[in-house]
Protein backbone atom coordinates (compact mmCIF):
# COMPACT_ATOMS: atom_id res chain seq x y z
CA UNK A 1 63.36 18.78 -11.34
CA UNK A 2 61.16 15.83 -12.06
CA UNK A 3 61.52 12.69 -14.10
CA UNK A 4 63.25 13.00 -17.47
CA UNK A 5 61.04 12.88 -20.50
CA UNK A 6 58.00 14.54 -18.93
CA UNK A 7 56.84 16.81 -21.71
CA UNK A 8 53.62 18.24 -20.24
CA UNK A 9 54.38 21.95 -19.90
CA UNK A 10 51.30 22.44 -17.69
CA UNK A 11 53.07 20.64 -14.82
CA UNK A 12 54.59 22.72 -12.05
CA UNK A 13 57.34 21.44 -9.76
CA UNK A 14 57.50 22.78 -6.22
CA UNK A 15 59.62 21.56 -3.32
CA UNK A 16 57.42 20.05 -0.62
CA UNK A 17 59.89 20.05 2.27
CA UNK A 18 63.55 20.56 2.85
CA UNK A 19 65.64 17.41 2.85
CA UNK A 20 69.13 16.45 3.79
CA UNK A 21 71.48 14.28 1.77
CA UNK A 22 74.47 12.41 3.14
CA UNK A 23 77.15 10.73 1.05
CA UNK A 24 79.30 8.01 2.67
CA UNK A 25 82.09 5.85 1.30
CA UNK A 26 84.65 3.44 2.67
CA UNK A 27 88.32 4.41 2.51
CA UNK A 28 88.89 1.41 0.21
CA UNK A 29 86.28 2.63 -2.30
CA UNK A 30 87.71 6.15 -2.28
CA UNK A 31 91.28 4.87 -2.77
CA UNK A 32 90.36 3.06 -6.00
CA UNK A 33 87.86 5.60 -7.41
CA UNK A 34 88.07 8.95 -9.15
CA UNK A 35 88.19 11.84 -6.67
CA UNK A 36 84.98 13.61 -5.71
CA UNK A 37 85.28 17.36 -6.08
CA UNK A 38 81.67 18.38 -6.80
CA UNK A 39 78.25 16.81 -6.08
CA UNK A 40 77.86 16.21 -9.83
CA UNK A 41 80.83 13.81 -9.64
CA UNK A 42 78.55 11.30 -7.88
CA UNK A 43 77.01 10.51 -11.27
CA UNK A 44 80.24 8.70 -12.17
CA UNK A 45 80.27 6.59 -9.00
CA UNK A 46 78.45 3.49 -7.80
CA UNK A 47 75.80 4.84 -5.43
CA UNK A 48 73.18 3.22 -3.26
CA UNK A 49 70.24 5.51 -2.52
CA UNK A 50 68.21 4.97 0.63
CA UNK A 51 65.21 7.05 1.64
CA UNK A 52 64.63 7.27 5.37
CA UNK A 53 61.69 8.72 7.31
CA UNK A 54 61.94 12.43 8.03
CA UNK A 55 63.49 13.29 11.39
CA UNK A 56 61.12 14.54 14.08
CA UNK A 57 62.38 18.11 13.80
CA UNK A 58 61.03 18.28 10.23
CA UNK A 59 57.51 17.25 11.23
């Protein structure tokens, strides 16, 4: 976890809160793209990342 290239071994990474991720695609995109079989496959796809405020139940 964390940004690539951070070499300071004194840093500790801890999750702050749970989060939920949702992946959406149009049927047209999926018909012309390589199939998605594992979350890692998303690295080979055109993705738009949007961060939204946490839902009330997480507060």
